[in-house]
């Protein structure tokens, strides 16, 4: 018997995050591309810098 099994839905909280970043990452993102994506996203900024920029104290 052949057929396809529906993919289970994401965790509801994760689905919200994925909706926010939709279209910002390439569909075919590979493990090798992650360091470049982090660099492009400014992931080298410290947590304190990111929180301060967001207005979190």
PDB file of N, CA and C in Angstrom:
ATOM      1  N   UNK A   1       0.845  -1.180   0.000  1.00  0.00           N
ATOM      2  CA  UNK A   1       0.000   0.000   0.000  1.00  0.00           C
ATOM      3  C   UNK A   1       0.885   1.237   0.000  1.00  0.00           C
ATOM      4  N   UNK A   2       0.671   2.100  -0.949  1.00  0.00           N
ATOM      5  CA  UNK A   2       1.434   3.344  -1.003  1.00  0.00           C
ATOM      6  C   UNK A   2       0.490   4.509  -0.806  1.00  0.00           C
ATOM      7  N   UNK A   3       1.022   5.535  -0.268  1.00  0.00           N
ATOM      8  CA  UNK A   3       0.228   6.737  -0.035  1.00  0.00           C
ATOM      9  C   UNK A   3       1.073   7.756   0.692  1.00  0.00           C
ATOM     10  N   UNK A   4       0.487   8.858   0.940  1.00  0.00           N
ATOM     11  CA  UNK A   4       1.206   9.893   1.656  1.00  0.00           C
ATOM     12  C   UNK A   4       0.539  10.120   3.000  1.00  0.00           C
ATOM     13  N   UNK A   5       1.356  10.430   3.956  1.00  0.00           N
ATOM     14  CA  UNK A   5       0.866  10.722   5.287  1.00  0.00           C
ATOM     15  C   UNK A   5       0.976  12.225   5.494  1.00  0.00           C
ATOM     16  N   UNK A   6      -0.085  12.826   5.968  1.00  0.00           N
ATOM     17  CA  UNK A   6      -0.067  14.265   6.188  1.00  0.00           C
ATOM     18  C   UNK A   6       0.947  14.621   7.256  1.00  0.00           C
ATOM     19  N   UNK A   7       1.670  15.690   7.020  1.00  0.00           N
ATOM     20  CA  UNK A   7       2.648  16.169   7.984  1.00  0.00           C
ATOM     21  C   UNK A   7       1.914  16.748   9.187  1.00  0.00           C
ATOM     22  N   UNK A   8       2.321  16.376  10.404  1.00  0.00           N
ATOM     23  CA  UNK A   8       1.629  16.918  11.584  1.00  0.00           C
ATOM     24  C   UNK A   8       1.878  18.423  11.702  1.00  0.00           C
ATOM     25  N   UNK A   9       0.953  19.140  12.302  1.00  0.00           N
ATOM     26  CA  UNK A   9       1.139  20.592  12.437  1.00  0.00           C
ATOM     27  C   UNK A   9       2.259  20.902  13.424  1.00  0.00           C
ATOM     28  N   UNK A  10       2.843  22.101  13.265  1.00  0.00           N
ATOM     29  CA  UNK A  10       3.853  22.561  14.213  1.00  0.00           C
ATOM     30  C   UNK A  10       3.187  22.869  15.543  1.00  0.00           C
ATOM     31  N   UNK A  11       4.010  22.911  16.562  1.00  0.00           N
ATOM     32  CA  UNK A  11       3.566  23.377  17.869  1.00  0.00           C
ATOM     33  C   UNK A  11       2.939  24.764  17.670  1.00  0.00           C
ATOM     34  N   UNK A  12       1.803  25.068  18.298  1.00  0.00           N
ATOM     35  CA  UNK A  12       1.135  26.357  18.084  1.00  0.00           C
ATOM     36  C   UNK A  12       2.029  27.565  18.351  1.00  0.00           C
ATOM     37  N   UNK A  13       2.877  27.505  19.370  1.00  0.00           N
ATOM     38  CA  UNK A  13       3.763  28.637  19.648  1.00  0.00           C
ATOM     39  C   UNK A  13       4.831  28.773  18.570  1.00  0.00           C
ATOM     40  N   UNK A  14       5.341  27.658  18.084  1.00  0.00           N
ATOM     41  CA  UNK A  14       6.323  27.693  17.013  1.00  0.00           C
ATOM     42  C   UNK A  14       5.678  28.202  15.729  1.00  0.00           C
ATOM     43  N   UNK A  15       4.440  27.858  15.495  1.00  0.00           N
ATOM     44  CA  UNK A  15       3.739  28.310  14.289  1.00  0.00           C
ATOM     45  C   UNK A  15       3.683  29.834  14.238  1.00  0.00           C
ATOM     46  N   UNK A  16       3.507  30.482  15.393  1.00  0.00           N
ATOM     47  CA  UNK A  16       3.484  31.955  15.443  1.00  0.00           C
ATOM     48  C   UNK A  16       4.829  32.507  14.997  1.00  0.00           C
ATOM     49  N   UNK A  17       5.914  31.934  15.516  1.00  0.00           N
ATOM     50  CA  UNK A  17       7.255  32.405  15.167  1.00  0.00           C
ATOM     51  C   UNK A  17       7.528  32.173  13.687  1.00  0.00           C
ATOM     52  N   UNK A  18       7.162  31.014  13.197  1.00  0.00           N
ATOM     53  CA  UNK A  18       7.375  30.721  11.783  1.00  0.00           C
ATOM     54  C   UNK A  18       6.600  31.683  10.895  1.00  0.00           C
ATOM     55  N   UNK A  19       5.414  32.092  11.337  1.00  0.00           N
ATOM     56  CA  UNK A  19       4.637  33.068  10.580  1.00  0.00           C
ATOM     57  C   UNK A  19       5.327  34.420  10.516  1.00  0.00           C
ATOM     58  N   UNK A  20       6.035  34.774  11.586  1.00  0.00           N
ATOM     59  CA  UNK A  20       6.733  36.057  11.626  1.00  0.00           C
ATOM     60  C   UNK A  20       7.939  36.097  10.698  1.00  0.00           C
ATOM     61  N   UNK A  21       8.597  34.961  10.522  1.00  0.00           N
ATOM     62  CA  UNK A  21       9.803  34.951   9.690  1.00  0.00           C
ATOM     63  C   UNK A  21       9.541  34.439   8.274  1.00  0.00           C
ATOM     64  N   UNK A  22       8.293  34.163   7.973  1.00  0.00           N
ATOM     65  CA  UNK A  22       7.949  33.641   6.646  1.00  0.00           C
ATOM     66  C   UNK A  22       8.445  34.583   5.560  1.00  0.00           C
ATOM     67  N   UNK A  23       9.110  34.027   4.583  1.00  0.00           N
ATOM     68  CA  UNK A  23       9.614  34.805   3.469  1.00  0.00           C
ATOM     69  C   UNK A  23      10.973  35.440   3.725  1.00  0.00           C
ATOM     70  N   UNK A  24      11.498  35.310   4.934  1.00  0.00           N
ATOM     71  CA  UNK A  24      12.787  35.909   5.248  1.00  0.00           C
ATOM     72  C   UNK A  24      13.941  34.921   5.111  1.00  0.00           C
ATOM     73  N   UNK A  25      13.642  33.649   5.046  1.00  0.00           N
ATOM     74  CA  UNK A  25      14.659  32.623   4.881  1.00  0.00           C
ATOM     75  C   UNK A  25      14.401  31.866   3.591  1.00  0.00           C
ATOM     76  N   UNK A  26      15.475  31.439   2.940  1.00  0.00           N
ATOM     77  CA  UNK A  26      15.269  30.652   1.719  1.00  0.00           C
ATOM     78  C   UNK A  26      14.605  29.322   2.038  1.00  0.00           C
ATOM     79  N   UNK A  27      13.794  28.837   1.131  1.00  0.00           N
ATOM     80  CA  UNK A  27      13.067  27.591   1.335  1.00  0.00           C
ATOM     81  C   UNK A  27      14.029  26.424   1.493  1.00  0.00           C
ATOM     82  N   UNK A  28      15.100  26.413   0.756  1.00  0.00           N
ATOM     83  CA  UNK A  28      16.055  25.311   0.783  1.00  0.00           C
ATOM     84  C   UNK A  28      17.212  25.554   1.731  1.00  0.00           C
ATOM     85  N   UNK A  29      16.977  26.135   2.883  1.00  0.00           N
ATOM     86  CA  UNK A  29      18.041  26.427   3.841  1.00  0.00           C
ATOM     87  C   UNK A  29      18.710  25.135   4.287  1.00  0.00           C
ATOM     88  N   UNK A  30      20.028  25.093   4.171  1.00  0.00           N
ATOM     89  CA  UNK A  30      20.785  23.916   4.583  1.00  0.00           C
ATOM     90  C   UNK A  30      21.624  24.246   5.815  1.00  0.00           C
ATOM     91  N   UNK A  31      22.152  23.218   6.452  1.00  0.00           N
ATOM     92  CA  UNK A  31      22.991  23.413   7.635  1.00  0.00           C
ATOM     93  C   UNK A  31      24.213  24.265   7.300  1.00  0.00           C
ATOM     94  N   UNK A  32      24.735  24.130   6.103  1.00  0.00           N
ATOM     95  CA  UNK A  32      25.904  24.910   5.697  1.00  0.00           C
ATOM     96  C   UNK A  32      25.579  26.388   5.556  1.00  0.00           C
ATOM     97  N   UNK A  33      24.324  26.724   5.295  1.00  0.00           N
ATOM     98  CA  UNK A  33      23.918  28.119   5.089  1.00  0.00           C
ATOM     99  C   UNK A  33      23.623  28.848   6.397  1.00  0.00           C
ATOM    100  N   UNK A  34      23.452  28.122   7.499  1.00  0.00           N
ATOM    101  CA  UNK A  34      23.046  28.728   8.769  1.00  0.00           C
ATOM    102  C   UNK A  34      24.036  29.787   9.253  1.00  0.00           C
ATOM    103  N   UNK A  35      25.364  29.549   9.226  1.00  0.00           N
ATOM    104  CA  UNK A  35      26.276  30.614   9.678  1.00  0.00           C
ATOM    105  C   UNK A  35      26.127  31.904   8.877  1.00  0.00           C
ATOM    106  N   UNK A  36      25.900  31.785   7.569  1.00  0.00           N
ATOM    107  CA  UNK A  36      25.730  32.972   6.740  1.00  0.00           C
ATOM    108  C   UNK A  36      24.414  33.685   7.060  1.00  0.00           C
ATOM    109  N   UNK A  37      23.362  32.917   7.338  1.00  0.00           N
ATOM    110  CA  UNK A  37      22.075  33.507   7.699  1.00  0.00           C
ATOM    111  C   UNK A  37      22.189  34.230   9.035  1.00  0.00           C
ATOM    112  N   UNK A  38      22.921  33.649   9.974  1.00  0.00           N
ATOM    113  CA  UNK A  38      23.115  34.292  11.271  1.00  0.00           C
ATOM    114  C   UNK A  38      23.877  35.601  11.113  1.00  0.00           C
ATOM    115  N   UNK A  39      24.912  35.583  10.286  1.00  0.00           N
ATOM    116  CA  UNK A  39      25.706  36.790  10.075  1.00  0.00           C
ATOM    117  C   UNK A  39      24.855  37.870   9.418  1.00  0.00           C
ATOM    118  N   UNK A  40      24.060  37.500   8.438  1.00  0.00           N
ATOM    119  CA  UNK A  40      23.204  38.469   7.753  1.00  0.00           C
ATOM    120  C   UNK A  40      22.143  39.037   8.680  1.00  0.00           C
ATOM    121  N   UNK A  41      21.722  38.239   9.670  1.00  0.00           N
ATOM    122  CA  UNK A  41      20.687  38.678  10.597  1.00  0.00           C
ATOM    123  C   UNK A  41      21.256  39.469  11.770  1.00  0.00           C
ATOM    124  N   UNK A  42      22.571  39.630  11.806  1.00  0.00           N
ATOM    125  CA  UNK A  42      23.174  40.360  12.904  1.00  0.00           C
ATOM    126  C   UNK A  42      23.271  39.540  14.171  1.00  0.00           C
ATOM    127  N   UNK A  43      23.385  38.231  14.022  1.00  0.00           N
ATOM    128  CA  UNK A  43      23.430  37.350  15.183  1.00  0.00           C
ATOM    129  C   UNK A  43      24.710  37.516  15.988  1.00  0.00           C
ATOM    130  N   UNK A  44      25.652  38.301  15.481  1.00  0.00           N
ATOM    131  CA  UNK A  44      26.866  38.507  16.240  1.00  0.00           C
ATOM    132  C   UNK A  44      26.681  39.578  17.322  1.00  0.00           C
ATOM    133  N   UNK A  45      25.522  40.223  17.343  1.00  0.00           N
ATOM    134  CA  UNK A  45      25.221  41.194  18.388  1.00  0.00           C
ATOM    135  C   UNK A  45      24.985  40.464  19.704  1.00  0.00           C
ATOM    136  N   UNK A  46      25.338  41.112  20.792  1.00  0.00           N
ATOM    137  CA  UNK A  46      25.137  40.471  22.091  1.00  0.00           C
ATOM    138  C   UNK A  46      23.660  40.474  22.454  1.00  0.00           C
ATOM    139  N   UNK A  47      23.292  39.593  23.331  1.00  0.00           N
ATOM    140  CA  UNK A  47      21.910  39.516  23.805  1.00  0.00           C
ATOM    141  C   UNK A  47      21.502  40.851  24.426  1.00  0.00           C
ATOM    142  N   UNK A  48      22.410  41.461  25.194  1.00  0.00           N
ATOM    143  CA  UNK A  48      22.112  42.745  25.824  1.00  0.00           C
ATOM    144  C   UNK A  48      21.817  43.825  24.783  1.00  0.00           C
ATOM    145  N   UNK A  49      22.585  43.831  23.690  1.00  0.00           N
ATOM    146  CA  UNK A  49      22.358  44.810  22.623  1.00  0.00           C
ATOM    147  C   UNK A  49      20.989  44.618  21.975  1.00  0.00           C
ATOM    148  N   UNK A  50      20.646  43.366  21.713  1.00  0.00           N
ATOM    149  CA  UNK A  50      19.365  43.070  21.074  1.00  0.00           C
ATOM    150  C   UNK A  50      18.200  43.467  21.993  1.00  0.00           C
ATOM    151  N   UNK A  51      18.317  43.132  23.266  1.00  0.00           N
ATOM    152  CA  UNK A  51      17.255  43.478  24.217  1.00  0.00           C
ATOM    153  C   UNK A  51      17.130  44.989  24.377  1.00  0.00           C
ATOM    154  N   UNK A  52      18.266  45.692  24.447  1.00  0.00           N
ATOM    155  CA  UNK A  52      18.233  47.143  24.580  1.00  0.00           C
ATOM    156  C   UNK A  52      17.587  47.790  23.359  1.00  0.00           C
ATOM    157  N   UNK A  53      17.901  47.273  22.182  1.00  0.00           N
ATOM    158  CA  UNK A  53      17.323  47.807  20.943  1.00  0.00           C
ATOM    159  C   UNK A  53      15.821  47.590  20.913  1.00  0.00           C
ATOM    160  N   UNK A  54      15.376  46.483  21.497  1.00  0.00           N
ATOM    161  CA  UNK A  54      13.937  46.184  21.537  1.00  0.00           C
ATOM    162  C   UNK A  54      13.233  46.926  22.661  1.00  0.00           C
ATOM    163  N   UNK A  55      13.990  47.662  23.483  1.00  0.00           N
ATOM    164  CA  UNK A  55      13.361  48.412  24.564  1.00  0.00           C
ATOM    165  C   UNK A  55      13.145  47.601  25.827  1.00  0.00           C
ATOM    166  N   UNK A  56      13.797  46.442  25.913  1.00  0.00           N
ATOM    167  CA  UNK A  56      13.649  45.586  27.089  1.00  0.00           C
ATOM    168  C   UNK A  56      14.716  45.974  28.103  1.00  0.00           C
ATOM    169  N   UNK A  57      14.301  46.193  29.338  1.00  0.00           N
ATOM    170  CA  UNK A  57      15.273  46.519  30.392  1.00  0.00           C
ATOM    171  C   UNK A  57      15.214  45.492  31.491  1.00  0.00           C
TER     172      UNK A  57
END
